[in-house]
Amino acid sequence: MLLAGGIGITPFLAMARHAANGRLPHRLYLFYSNRRPEDAAFLPELRKMEQLNPHYRLIATMAEPEKSAHPWPGETGFIRREMLERHLAGITNPIYYFAGPPPMTMAMQQMLQDIGIGEEAMRSEEFYGY
């Protein structure tokens, strides 16, 4: 599972491209959180990848869709446990990779710990100062 906040999408972009272009057989879920659709780097490309590989799934969510010039029909709010449970069959099974600004990565780590995910199943990267 990949959990990205804002520019934290950067390390996952190559992974998603590889999975989509190679039509890899394992399931890949990318949860991608931004304030507004216009803030979401690579969003059109990430959406298109779902057409290339039926095993890849993008779940984009916007924390402030009401501030957008574009309507947003998808998920809203931050990435949270309820959202994971709606989209994943077994939320305690995968290894979670998460990247984004420090408050986001700290929130993801706490959420995953609360779910019962051990440290050995978490990988993270924080992006400062953007």
N, C-alpha and C. Protein backbone atom coordinates (compact mmCIF):
# COMPACT_ATOMS: atom_id res chain seq x y z
N MET A 1 0.83 -1.17 0.00
CA MET A 1 0.00 0.00 0.00
C MET A 1 0.88 1.23 0.00
N LEU A 2 0.49 2.19 -0.82
CA LEU A 2 1.21 3.45 -0.92
C LEU A 2 0.29 4.56 -0.44
N LEU A 3 0.78 5.36 0.50
CA LEU A 3 0.01 6.48 1.06
C LEU A 3 0.83 7.74 0.81
N ALA A 4 0.33 8.63 -0.04
CA ALA A 4 1.06 9.84 -0.42
C ALA A 4 0.28 11.08 -0.05
N GLY A 5 1.01 12.08 0.43
CA GLY A 5 0.44 13.38 0.71
C GLY A 5 1.19 14.43 -0.08
N GLY A 6 0.48 15.17 -0.94
CA GLY A 6 1.10 16.24 -1.72
C GLY A 6 2.28 15.75 -2.54
N ILE A 7 3.39 16.46 -2.40
CA ILE A 7 4.59 16.14 -3.18
C ILE A 7 5.18 14.79 -2.77
N GLY A 8 4.66 14.20 -1.71
CA GLY A 8 5.08 12.85 -1.31
C GLY A 8 4.76 11.81 -2.38
N ILE A 9 4.05 12.20 -3.42
CA ILE A 9 3.78 11.29 -4.54
C ILE A 9 5.06 10.96 -5.30
N THR A 10 6.05 11.82 -5.22
CA THR A 10 7.26 11.68 -6.03
C THR A 10 7.91 10.31 -5.95
N PRO A 11 8.20 9.76 -4.78
CA PRO A 11 8.85 8.44 -4.78
C PRO A 11 7.96 7.30 -5.26
N PHE A 12 6.66 7.52 -5.28
CA PHE A 12 5.73 6.46 -5.70
C PHE A 12 5.41 6.51 -7.19
N LEU A 13 5.70 7.63 -7.82
CA LEU A 13 5.36 7.79 -9.23
C LEU A 13 6.04 6.73 -10.09
N ALA A 14 7.34 6.53 -9.90
CA ALA A 14 8.05 5.51 -10.69
C ALA A 14 7.50 4.12 -10.40
N MET A 15 7.16 3.84 -9.16
CA MET A 15 6.59 2.54 -8.81
C MET A 15 5.26 2.31 -9.53
N ALA A 16 4.41 3.34 -9.52
CA ALA A 16 3.11 3.23 -10.17
C ALA A 16 3.27 3.08 -11.68
N ARG A 17 4.20 3.84 -12.26
CA ARG A 17 4.45 3.73 -13.71
C ARG A 17 4.92 2.33 -14.07
N HIS A 18 5.86 1.81 -13.29
CA HIS A 18 6.40 0.47 -13.56
C HIS A 18 5.29 -0.58 -13.46
N ALA A 19 4.48 -0.50 -12.42
CA ALA A 19 3.39 -1.47 -12.24
C ALA A 19 2.37 -1.38 -13.37
N ALA A 20 2.03 -0.16 -13.78
CA ALA A 20 1.03 0.01 -14.84
C ALA A 20 1.58 -0.42 -16.19
N ASN A 21 2.76 0.06 -16.54
CA ASN A 21 3.33 -0.27 -17.85
C ASN A 21 3.69 -1.74 -17.97
N GLY A 22 4.12 -2.34 -16.88
CA GLY A 22 4.46 -3.76 -16.89
C GLY A 22 3.27 -4.66 -16.62
N ARG A 23 2.12 -4.05 -16.33
CA ARG A 23 0.91 -4.80 -15.99
C ARG A 23 1.22 -5.89 -14.97
N LEU A 24 1.91 -5.47 -13.93
CA LEU A 24 2.33 -6.41 -12.90
C LEU A 24 1.12 -7.07 -12.25
N PRO A 25 1.23 -8.34 -11.90
CA PRO A 25 0.07 -9.10 -11.41
C PRO A 25 -0.32 -8.82 -9.95
N HIS A 26 0.59 -8.26 -9.15
CA HIS A 26 0.21 -8.03 -7.75
C HIS A 26 -0.57 -6.74 -7.61
N ARG A 27 -1.44 -6.70 -6.59
CA ARG A 27 -2.31 -5.55 -6.35
C ARG A 27 -1.49 -4.39 -5.81
N LEU A 28 -1.76 -3.20 -6.34
CA LEU A 28 -1.11 -1.98 -5.88
C LEU A 28 -2.17 -0.92 -5.69
N TYR A 29 -2.30 -0.46 -4.46
CA TYR A 29 -3.25 0.60 -4.12
C TYR A 29 -2.45 1.84 -3.76
N LEU A 30 -2.80 2.96 -4.39
CA LEU A 30 -2.16 4.24 -4.12
C LEU A 30 -3.21 5.21 -3.59
N PHE A 31 -3.10 5.55 -2.32
CA PHE A 31 -3.95 6.56 -1.69
C PHE A 31 -3.18 7.87 -1.78
N TYR A 32 -3.81 8.88 -2.38
CA TYR A 32 -3.12 10.14 -2.69
C TYR A 32 -3.95 11.31 -2.21
N SER A 33 -3.44 12.03 -1.20
CA SER A 33 -4.17 13.12 -0.57
C SER A 33 -3.58 14.48 -0.93
N ASN A 34 -4.47 15.42 -1.27
CA ASN A 34 -4.10 16.81 -1.57
C ASN A 34 -5.18 17.72 -1.06
N ARG A 35 -4.91 19.02 -1.08
CA ARG A 35 -5.93 19.98 -0.66
C ARG A 35 -7.04 20.09 -1.71
N ARG A 36 -6.61 20.31 -2.98
CA ARG A 36 -7.54 20.51 -4.08
C ARG A 36 -7.04 19.74 -5.30
N PRO A 37 -7.91 19.42 -6.25
CA PRO A 37 -7.45 18.69 -7.44
C PRO A 37 -6.32 19.41 -8.18
N GLU A 38 -6.38 20.74 -8.24
CA GLU A 38 -5.33 21.47 -8.96
C GLU A 38 -3.99 21.44 -8.24
N ASP A 39 -3.96 21.00 -6.99
CA ASP A 39 -2.71 20.85 -6.24
C ASP A 39 -2.09 19.47 -6.42
N ALA A 40 -2.80 18.55 -7.02
CA ALA A 40 -2.40 17.15 -7.11
C ALA A 40 -1.48 16.91 -8.31
N ALA A 41 -0.19 16.89 -8.07
CA ALA A 41 0.78 16.63 -9.13
C ALA A 41 0.54 15.25 -9.74
N PHE A 42 0.61 15.18 -11.05
CA PHE A 42 0.51 13.93 -11.81
C PHE A 42 -0.86 13.25 -11.74
N LEU A 43 -1.88 13.93 -11.24
CA LEU A 43 -3.19 13.28 -11.08
C LEU A 43 -3.74 12.69 -12.39
N PRO A 44 -3.72 13.42 -13.50
CA PRO A 44 -4.23 12.80 -14.74
C PRO A 44 -3.46 11.54 -15.14
N GLU A 45 -2.15 11.58 -15.01
CA GLU A 45 -1.34 10.40 -15.34
C GLU A 45 -1.65 9.24 -14.41
N LEU A 46 -1.77 9.52 -13.12
CA LEU A 46 -2.07 8.46 -12.15
C LEU A 46 -3.43 7.83 -12.42
N ARG A 47 -4.38 8.63 -12.83
CA ARG A 47 -5.71 8.10 -13.18
C ARG A 47 -5.64 7.22 -14.42
N LYS A 48 -4.89 7.68 -15.42
CA LYS A 48 -4.79 6.93 -16.67
C LYS A 48 -4.14 5.56 -16.45
N MET A 49 -3.25 5.46 -15.49
CA MET A 49 -2.57 4.20 -15.21
C MET A 49 -3.55 3.09 -14.82
N GLU A 50 -4.69 3.47 -14.25
CA GLU A 50 -5.70 2.46 -13.90
C GLU A 50 -6.22 1.75 -15.14
N GLN A 51 -6.25 2.44 -16.27
CA GLN A 51 -6.70 1.84 -17.53
C GLN A 51 -5.68 0.86 -18.08
N LEU A 52 -4.41 1.08 -17.77
CA LEU A 52 -3.34 0.22 -18.27
C LEU A 52 -3.19 -1.07 -17.48
N ASN A 53 -3.52 -1.02 -16.21
CA ASN A 53 -3.30 -2.19 -15.35
C ASN A 53 -4.48 -2.37 -14.40
N PRO A 54 -5.25 -3.43 -14.55
CA PRO A 54 -6.40 -3.65 -13.67
C PRO A 54 -6.01 -3.98 -12.23
N HIS A 55 -4.74 -4.22 -11.97
CA HIS A 55 -4.27 -4.52 -10.62
C HIS A 55 -3.83 -3.28 -9.85
N TYR A 56 -3.80 -2.14 -10.54
CA TYR A 56 -3.41 -0.87 -9.92
C TYR A 56 -4.67 -0.06 -9.66
N ARG A 57 -4.76 0.51 -8.46
CA ARG A 57 -5.93 1.31 -8.08
C ARG A 57 -5.48 2.60 -7.43
N LEU A 58 -5.99 3.72 -7.92
CA LEU A 58 -5.74 5.04 -7.36
C LEU A 58 -6.94 5.46 -6.54
N ILE A 59 -6.70 5.84 -5.30
CA ILE A 59 -7.75 6.42 -4.46
C ILE A 59 -7.26 7.82 -4.10
N ALA A 60 -7.75 8.81 -4.84
CA ALA A 60 -7.36 10.20 -4.60
C ALA A 60 -8.39 10.83 -3.67
N THR A 61 -7.90 11.65 -2.75
CA THR A 61 -8.78 12.33 -1.82
C THR A 61 -8.35 13.78 -1.67
N MET A 62 -9.32 14.66 -1.53
CA MET A 62 -9.05 16.09 -1.40
C MET A 62 -9.55 16.59 -0.04
N ALA A 63 -8.65 17.27 0.67
CA ALA A 63 -8.98 17.75 2.01
C ALA A 63 -9.81 19.03 1.98
N GLU A 64 -9.66 19.84 0.92
CA GLU A 64 -10.39 21.11 0.83
C GLU A 64 -11.03 21.27 -0.56
N PRO A 65 -11.85 20.31 -0.97
CA PRO A 65 -12.41 20.40 -2.32
C PRO A 65 -13.30 21.63 -2.54
N GLU A 66 -13.84 22.16 -1.48
CA GLU A 66 -14.71 23.34 -1.60
C GLU A 66 -13.93 24.58 -2.04
N LYS A 67 -12.61 24.57 -1.90
CA LYS A 67 -11.76 25.69 -2.31
C LYS A 67 -11.26 25.54 -3.75
N SER A 68 -11.73 24.54 -4.43
CA SER A 68 -11.29 24.26 -5.79
C SER A 68 -12.15 24.96 -6.82
N ALA A 69 -11.56 25.27 -7.96
CA ALA A 69 -12.31 25.81 -9.09
C ALA A 69 -12.97 24.68 -9.87
N HIS A 70 -12.63 23.43 -9.52
CA HIS A 70 -13.16 22.26 -10.22
C HIS A 70 -13.98 21.41 -9.26
N PRO A 71 -15.08 20.85 -9.72
CA PRO A 71 -15.86 19.95 -8.85
C PRO A 71 -15.05 18.69 -8.55
N TRP A 72 -15.22 18.14 -7.36
CA TRP A 72 -14.51 16.93 -6.98
C TRP A 72 -15.52 15.86 -6.56
N PRO A 73 -15.67 14.80 -7.37
CA PRO A 73 -16.64 13.75 -7.05
C PRO A 73 -16.08 12.61 -6.21
N GLY A 74 -14.78 12.64 -5.93
CA GLY A 74 -14.13 11.52 -5.25
C GLY A 74 -14.12 11.63 -3.73
N GLU A 75 -13.21 10.89 -3.13
CA GLU A 75 -13.04 10.89 -1.67
C GLU A 75 -12.68 12.28 -1.19
N THR A 76 -13.09 12.59 0.04
CA THR A 76 -12.74 13.87 0.65
C THR A 76 -12.14 13.64 2.02
N GLY A 77 -11.42 14.62 2.50
CA GLY A 77 -10.76 14.53 3.80
C GLY A 77 -9.37 13.92 3.65
N PHE A 78 -8.76 13.70 4.78
CA PHE A 78 -7.42 13.11 4.80
C PHE A 78 -7.53 11.59 4.73
N ILE A 79 -6.42 10.93 4.43
CA ILE A 79 -6.37 9.48 4.46
C ILE A 79 -6.61 9.05 5.90
N ARG A 80 -7.54 8.13 6.10
CA ARG A 80 -7.89 7.69 7.45
C ARG A 80 -8.27 6.22 7.42
N ARG A 81 -8.38 5.66 8.59
CA ARG A 81 -8.65 4.22 8.72
C ARG A 81 -9.91 3.80 7.97
N GLU A 82 -10.98 4.56 8.12
CA GLU A 82 -12.24 4.21 7.47
C GLU A 82 -12.09 4.14 5.96
N MET A 83 -11.27 5.03 5.41
CA MET A 83 -11.03 5.04 3.98
C MET A 83 -10.28 3.77 3.56
N LEU A 84 -9.26 3.41 4.32
CA LEU A 84 -8.52 2.18 4.02
C LEU A 84 -9.45 0.97 4.09
N GLU A 85 -10.29 0.92 5.10
CA GLU A 85 -11.20 -0.21 5.27
C GLU A 85 -12.21 -0.32 4.14
N ARG A 86 -12.63 0.81 3.56
CA ARG A 86 -13.57 0.78 2.44
C ARG A 86 -12.95 0.22 1.16
N HIS A 87 -11.65 0.41 1.02
CA HIS A 87 -11.00 0.04 -0.24
C HIS A 87 -10.13 -1.21 -0.17
N LEU A 88 -9.77 -1.66 1.01
CA LEU A 88 -8.87 -2.80 1.16
C LEU A 88 -9.57 -3.95 1.87
N ALA A 89 -9.30 -5.15 1.43
CA ALA A 89 -9.91 -6.33 2.05
C ALA A 89 -9.30 -6.62 3.42
N GLY A 90 -8.01 -6.54 3.54
CA GLY A 90 -7.33 -6.83 4.80
C GLY A 90 -6.31 -5.75 5.12
N ILE A 91 -6.69 -4.78 5.92
CA ILE A 91 -5.80 -3.64 6.12
C ILE A 91 -4.58 -3.95 6.98
N THR A 92 -4.57 -5.08 7.67
CA THR A 92 -3.41 -5.40 8.50
C THR A 92 -2.37 -6.25 7.77
N ASN A 93 -2.66 -6.68 6.54
CA ASN A 93 -1.75 -7.57 5.82
C ASN A 93 -0.60 -6.90 5.09
N PRO A 94 -0.82 -5.79 4.39
CA PRO A 94 0.26 -5.27 3.53
C PRO A 94 1.35 -4.54 4.28
N ILE A 95 2.43 -4.30 3.54
CA ILE A 95 3.46 -3.37 3.98
C ILE A 95 3.03 -2.00 3.48
N TYR A 96 3.12 -1.00 4.33
CA TYR A 96 2.70 0.35 4.00
C TYR A 96 3.92 1.23 3.76
N TYR A 97 3.90 1.91 2.63
CA TYR A 97 4.89 2.92 2.30
C TYR A 97 4.15 4.25 2.32
N PHE A 98 4.68 5.24 3.04
CA PHE A 98 4.01 6.52 3.07
C PHE A 98 5.02 7.65 3.03
N ALA A 99 4.63 8.72 2.32
CA ALA A 99 5.52 9.87 2.13
C ALA A 99 4.69 11.13 2.01
N GLY A 100 5.27 12.22 2.52
CA GLY A 100 4.60 13.51 2.47
C GLY A 100 5.20 14.45 3.48
N PRO A 101 4.51 15.54 3.77
CA PRO A 101 5.01 16.48 4.77
C PRO A 101 5.02 15.81 6.16
N PRO A 102 5.91 16.27 7.05
CA PRO A 102 6.02 15.64 8.37
C PRO A 102 4.71 15.44 9.13
N PRO A 103 3.79 16.41 9.17
CA PRO A 103 2.53 16.14 9.90
C PRO A 103 1.74 14.97 9.31
N MET A 104 1.78 14.84 7.98
CA MET A 104 1.07 13.75 7.33
C MET A 104 1.72 12.42 7.67
N THR A 105 3.04 12.34 7.56
CA THR A 105 3.70 11.06 7.83
C THR A 105 3.55 10.65 9.29
N MET A 106 3.58 11.62 10.20
CA MET A 106 3.37 11.29 11.61
C MET A 106 1.94 10.79 11.84
N ALA A 107 0.97 11.40 11.17
CA ALA A 107 -0.43 10.96 11.30
C ALA A 107 -0.60 9.56 10.73
N MET A 108 0.05 9.27 9.60
CA MET A 108 -0.06 7.93 9.00
C MET A 108 0.56 6.88 9.91
N GLN A 109 1.71 7.19 10.48
CA GLN A 109 2.36 6.25 11.38
C GLN A 109 1.49 5.96 12.59
N GLN A 110 0.89 7.00 13.17
CA GLN A 110 0.02 6.81 14.33
C GLN A 110 -1.22 6.01 13.95
N MET A 111 -1.83 6.34 12.81
CA MET A 111 -3.01 5.61 12.36
C MET A 111 -2.69 4.13 12.17
N LEU A 112 -1.58 3.84 11.51
CA LEU A 112 -1.20 2.45 11.25
C LEU A 112 -0.88 1.71 12.55
N GLN A 113 -0.23 2.37 13.48
CA GLN A 113 0.03 1.76 14.79
C GLN A 113 -1.29 1.45 15.49
N ASP A 114 -2.25 2.38 15.43
CA ASP A 114 -3.55 2.16 16.06
C ASP A 114 -4.30 0.98 15.43
N ILE A 115 -4.08 0.75 14.14
CA ILE A 115 -4.70 -0.38 13.45
C ILE A 115 -4.05 -1.69 13.88
N GLY A 116 -2.79 -1.61 14.31
CA GLY A 116 -2.07 -2.82 14.71
C GLY A 116 -0.96 -3.20 13.75
N ILE A 117 -0.58 -2.27 12.89
CA ILE A 117 0.52 -2.50 11.95
C ILE A 117 1.83 -2.30 12.71
N GLY A 118 2.72 -3.28 12.64
CA GLY A 118 4.01 -3.17 13.32
C GLY A 118 4.99 -2.32 12.54
N GLU A 119 5.99 -1.81 13.25
CA GLU A 119 7.02 -0.97 12.63
C GLU A 119 7.69 -1.65 11.44
N GLU A 120 7.83 -2.98 11.50
CA GLU A 120 8.50 -3.72 10.42
C GLU A 120 7.69 -3.69 9.12
N ALA A 121 6.43 -3.30 9.17
CA ALA A 121 5.58 -3.24 7.99
C ALA A 121 5.32 -1.80 7.54
N MET A 122 6.15 -0.85 8.02
CA MET A 122 6.00 0.56 7.66
C MET A 122 7.32 1.09 7.12
N ARG A 123 7.22 1.82 6.01
CA ARG A 123 8.36 2.52 5.42
C ARG A 123 7.90 3.94 5.14
N SER A 124 8.69 4.95 5.54
CA SER A 124 8.23 6.32 5.33
C SER A 124 9.36 7.25 4.90
N GLU A 125 8.93 8.36 4.31
CA GLU A 125 9.83 9.43 3.88
C GLU A 125 9.10 10.75 4.11
N GLU A 126 9.79 11.72 4.73
CA GLU A 126 9.19 13.01 4.99
C GLU A 126 9.80 14.03 4.03
N PHE A 127 8.96 14.98 3.56
CA PHE A 127 9.39 16.03 2.68
C PHE A 127 9.22 17.36 3.41
N TYR A 128 10.32 18.05 3.64
CA TYR A 128 10.32 19.31 4.37
C TYR A 128 10.37 20.50 3.40
N GLY A 129 9.77 21.60 3.82
CA GLY A 129 9.98 22.90 3.20
C GLY A 129 9.52 23.09 1.78
N TYR A 130 8.41 22.56 1.42
CA TYR A 130 7.90 22.88 0.07
C TYR A 130 6.61 23.65 0.20
